[in-house]
Amino acid sequence: MKKVLMVLSISLFLFSCGPSACDCNKNARKWGIGGSISMTQDCVEKYRDDIPKNYVGTNKFNEELIRLSGKECND
């Protein structure tokens, strides 16, 4: 039982790791000039719940992503 619990804990940790707030911020700032699409998707997943739904598909979405990740990065 302990082994199963340990394997599940390690799996959860490995699969929950995403880009850091600073990585998201840097990627969002250079989007269109070489930003990574896969990192952008990971960052959107990370911050999706904190960004208003009406920002989807607009420049405001990227601006809000920069603001949220920058705030976390500076903390």
N, C-alpha and C. Protein backbone atom coordinates (compact mmCIF):
# COMPACT_ATOMS: atom_id res chain seq x y z
N MET A 1 0.82 -1.19 0.00
CA MET A 1 0.00 0.00 0.00
C MET A 1 0.86 1.25 0.00
N LYS A 2 1.94 1.23 0.77
CA LYS A 2 2.82 2.39 0.83
C LYS A 2 3.47 2.65 -0.52
N LYS A 3 3.83 1.56 -1.22
CA LYS A 3 4.46 1.72 -2.54
C LYS A 3 3.49 2.33 -3.54
N VAL A 4 2.25 1.90 -3.49
CA VAL A 4 1.23 2.44 -4.40
C VAL A 4 1.02 3.92 -4.12
N LEU A 5 0.93 4.27 -2.87
CA LEU A 5 0.75 5.67 -2.49
C LEU A 5 1.94 6.51 -2.93
N MET A 6 3.15 5.99 -2.77
CA MET A 6 4.34 6.72 -3.17
C MET A 6 4.38 6.90 -4.69
N VAL A 7 4.05 5.87 -5.45
CA VAL A 7 4.04 5.96 -6.91
C VAL A 7 2.99 6.98 -7.37
N LEU A 8 1.83 6.96 -6.76
CA LEU A 8 0.79 7.92 -7.11
C LEU A 8 1.20 9.35 -6.77
N SER A 9 1.85 9.53 -5.65
CA SER A 9 2.31 10.87 -5.25
C SER A 9 3.35 11.40 -6.22
N ILE A 10 4.30 10.57 -6.58
CA ILE A 10 5.34 10.99 -7.52
C ILE A 10 4.73 11.28 -8.89
N SER A 11 3.80 10.45 -9.33
CA SER A 11 3.14 10.67 -10.62
C SER A 11 2.39 11.99 -10.63
N LEU A 12 1.67 12.26 -9.57
CA LEU A 12 0.93 13.51 -9.47
C LEU A 12 1.87 14.70 -9.52
N PHE A 13 2.98 14.61 -8.81
CA PHE A 13 3.96 15.69 -8.82
C PHE A 13 4.52 15.91 -10.22
N LEU A 14 4.90 14.85 -10.89
CA LEU A 14 5.50 14.97 -12.22
C LEU A 14 4.53 15.51 -13.25
N PHE A 15 3.28 15.09 -13.17
CA PHE A 15 2.30 15.55 -14.15
C PHE A 15 1.75 16.93 -13.84
N SER A 16 1.90 17.40 -12.63
CA SER A 16 1.37 18.71 -12.28
C SER A 16 2.38 19.82 -12.51
N CYS A 17 3.61 19.47 -12.80
CA CYS A 17 4.63 20.49 -13.05
C CYS A 17 4.36 21.16 -14.38
N GLY A 18 4.34 22.46 -14.37
CA GLY A 18 4.15 23.22 -15.58
C GLY A 18 5.19 24.31 -15.63
N PRO A 19 5.08 25.18 -16.60
CA PRO A 19 6.04 26.28 -16.68
C PRO A 19 5.90 27.21 -15.48
N SER A 20 7.00 27.79 -15.08
CA SER A 20 6.95 28.73 -13.95
C SER A 20 6.27 30.02 -14.39
N ALA A 21 5.90 30.83 -13.42
CA ALA A 21 5.27 32.12 -13.72
C ALA A 21 6.20 32.99 -14.55
N CYS A 22 7.49 32.97 -14.23
CA CYS A 22 8.45 33.79 -14.97
C CYS A 22 8.60 33.30 -16.41
N ASP A 23 8.59 31.97 -16.61
CA ASP A 23 8.65 31.43 -17.97
C ASP A 23 7.42 31.84 -18.77
N CYS A 24 6.26 31.80 -18.14
CA CYS A 24 5.03 32.22 -18.81
C CYS A 24 5.09 33.69 -19.18
N ASN A 25 5.58 34.50 -18.26
CA ASN A 25 5.68 35.93 -18.50
C ASN A 25 6.61 36.23 -19.67
N LYS A 26 7.78 35.62 -19.67
CA LYS A 26 8.75 35.85 -20.76
C LYS A 26 8.18 35.39 -22.09
N ASN A 27 7.53 34.23 -22.10
CA ASN A 27 6.97 33.69 -23.34
C ASN A 27 5.84 34.59 -23.86
N ALA A 28 4.97 35.06 -22.98
CA ALA A 28 3.85 35.91 -23.39
C ALA A 28 4.35 37.24 -23.94
N ARG A 29 5.43 37.76 -23.39
CA ARG A 29 5.98 39.03 -23.86
C ARG A 29 6.60 38.92 -25.25
N LYS A 30 7.14 37.75 -25.59
CA LYS A 30 7.76 37.62 -26.90
C LYS A 30 6.88 36.87 -27.90
N TRP A 31 5.60 36.69 -27.57
CA TRP A 31 4.69 35.99 -28.46
C TRP A 31 4.64 36.72 -29.80
N GLY A 32 4.79 35.99 -30.88
CA GLY A 32 4.80 36.58 -32.21
C GLY A 32 6.21 36.84 -32.69
N ILE A 33 7.18 36.83 -31.77
CA ILE A 33 8.58 37.04 -32.13
C ILE A 33 9.39 35.84 -31.67
N GLY A 34 8.80 34.68 -31.69
CA GLY A 34 9.53 33.48 -31.31
C GLY A 34 9.05 32.82 -30.05
N GLY A 35 7.89 33.19 -29.55
CA GLY A 35 7.35 32.52 -28.37
C GLY A 35 6.95 31.09 -28.70
N SER A 36 7.01 30.24 -27.74
CA SER A 36 6.71 28.82 -27.93
C SER A 36 5.20 28.56 -27.84
N ILE A 37 4.65 27.90 -28.84
CA ILE A 37 3.22 27.60 -28.84
C ILE A 37 2.87 26.63 -27.73
N SER A 38 3.69 25.59 -27.54
CA SER A 38 3.37 24.61 -26.50
C SER A 38 3.44 25.23 -25.11
N MET A 39 4.41 26.12 -24.88
CA MET A 39 4.48 26.78 -23.57
C MET A 39 3.28 27.71 -23.40
N THR A 40 2.89 28.38 -24.46
CA THR A 40 1.73 29.26 -24.39
C THR A 40 0.49 28.47 -23.98
N GLN A 41 0.31 27.30 -24.57
CA GLN A 41 -0.83 26.46 -24.22
C GLN A 41 -0.78 26.03 -22.76
N ASP A 42 0.41 25.68 -22.27
CA ASP A 42 0.56 25.29 -20.86
C ASP A 42 0.25 26.47 -19.94
N CYS A 43 0.70 27.65 -20.32
CA CYS A 43 0.47 28.85 -19.51
C CYS A 43 -1.01 29.22 -19.49
N VAL A 44 -1.66 29.09 -20.64
CA VAL A 44 -3.09 29.38 -20.71
C VAL A 44 -3.85 28.43 -19.79
N GLU A 45 -3.47 27.15 -19.79
CA GLU A 45 -4.10 26.19 -18.88
C GLU A 45 -3.89 26.59 -17.43
N LYS A 46 -2.70 27.08 -17.12
CA LYS A 46 -2.36 27.43 -15.75
C LYS A 46 -3.16 28.64 -15.25
N TYR A 47 -3.37 29.64 -16.11
CA TYR A 47 -4.02 30.89 -15.70
C TYR A 47 -5.45 31.05 -16.20
N ARG A 48 -5.97 30.07 -16.93
CA ARG A 48 -7.30 30.18 -17.56
C ARG A 48 -8.40 30.61 -16.59
N ASP A 49 -8.42 30.05 -15.40
CA ASP A 49 -9.49 30.35 -14.45
C ASP A 49 -9.42 31.76 -13.89
N ASP A 50 -8.25 32.40 -13.98
CA ASP A 50 -8.08 33.75 -13.43
C ASP A 50 -8.30 34.85 -14.47
N ILE A 51 -8.52 34.48 -15.72
CA ILE A 51 -8.70 35.46 -16.79
C ILE A 51 -10.18 35.46 -17.19
N PRO A 52 -10.80 36.65 -17.26
CA PRO A 52 -12.21 36.73 -17.63
C PRO A 52 -12.50 36.05 -18.97
N LYS A 53 -13.63 35.38 -19.06
CA LYS A 53 -14.01 34.63 -20.27
C LYS A 53 -14.13 35.53 -21.49
N ASN A 54 -14.56 36.79 -21.30
CA ASN A 54 -14.74 37.67 -22.45
C ASN A 54 -13.41 38.16 -23.04
N TYR A 55 -12.29 37.84 -22.42
CA TYR A 55 -10.98 38.20 -22.95
C TYR A 55 -10.46 37.18 -23.97
N VAL A 56 -11.08 35.99 -24.02
CA VAL A 56 -10.62 34.94 -24.92
C VAL A 56 -10.70 35.42 -26.36
N GLY A 57 -9.61 35.25 -27.10
CA GLY A 57 -9.56 35.64 -28.51
C GLY A 57 -9.24 37.11 -28.73
N THR A 58 -8.87 37.83 -27.68
CA THR A 58 -8.53 39.24 -27.83
C THR A 58 -7.12 39.49 -27.30
N ASN A 59 -6.61 40.68 -27.58
CA ASN A 59 -5.30 41.06 -27.06
C ASN A 59 -5.33 41.18 -25.54
N LYS A 60 -6.49 41.47 -24.98
CA LYS A 60 -6.63 41.58 -23.53
C LYS A 60 -6.22 40.29 -22.83
N PHE A 61 -6.48 39.14 -23.49
CA PHE A 61 -6.13 37.85 -22.90
C PHE A 61 -4.62 37.77 -22.67
N ASN A 62 -3.84 38.12 -23.68
CA ASN A 62 -2.38 38.08 -23.56
C ASN A 62 -1.90 39.11 -22.54
N GLU A 63 -2.51 40.29 -22.54
CA GLU A 63 -2.13 41.33 -21.57
C GLU A 63 -2.39 40.85 -20.14
N GLU A 64 -3.51 40.19 -19.94
CA GLU A 64 -3.86 39.68 -18.60
C GLU A 64 -2.93 38.54 -18.21
N LEU A 65 -2.57 37.70 -19.16
CA LEU A 65 -1.61 36.62 -18.91
C LEU A 65 -0.27 37.20 -18.48
N ILE A 66 0.17 38.25 -19.14
CA ILE A 66 1.42 38.92 -18.77
C ILE A 66 1.31 39.51 -17.37
N ARG A 67 0.18 40.16 -17.08
CA ARG A 67 0.00 40.79 -15.78
C ARG A 67 0.00 39.74 -14.65
N LEU A 68 -0.77 38.68 -14.81
CA LEU A 68 -0.88 37.66 -13.77
C LEU A 68 0.44 36.93 -13.55
N SER A 69 1.09 36.54 -14.63
CA SER A 69 2.35 35.80 -14.49
C SER A 69 3.45 36.72 -13.98
N GLY A 70 3.43 37.98 -14.36
CA GLY A 70 4.43 38.93 -13.87
C GLY A 70 4.28 39.18 -12.39
N LYS A 71 3.04 39.27 -11.92
CA LYS A 71 2.79 39.48 -10.49
C LYS A 71 3.31 38.29 -9.69
N GLU A 72 3.06 37.07 -10.17
CA GLU A 72 3.53 35.87 -9.49
C GLU A 72 5.04 35.75 -9.56
N CYS A 73 5.61 36.14 -10.68
CA CYS A 73 7.05 36.04 -10.88
C CYS A 73 7.80 36.96 -9.92
N ASN A 74 7.23 38.13 -9.67
CA ASN A 74 7.89 39.11 -8.80
C ASN A 74 7.75 38.78 -7.32
N ASP A 75 6.81 37.91 -6.97
CA ASP A 75 6.60 37.55 -5.56
C ASP A 75 7.69 36.67 -5.03
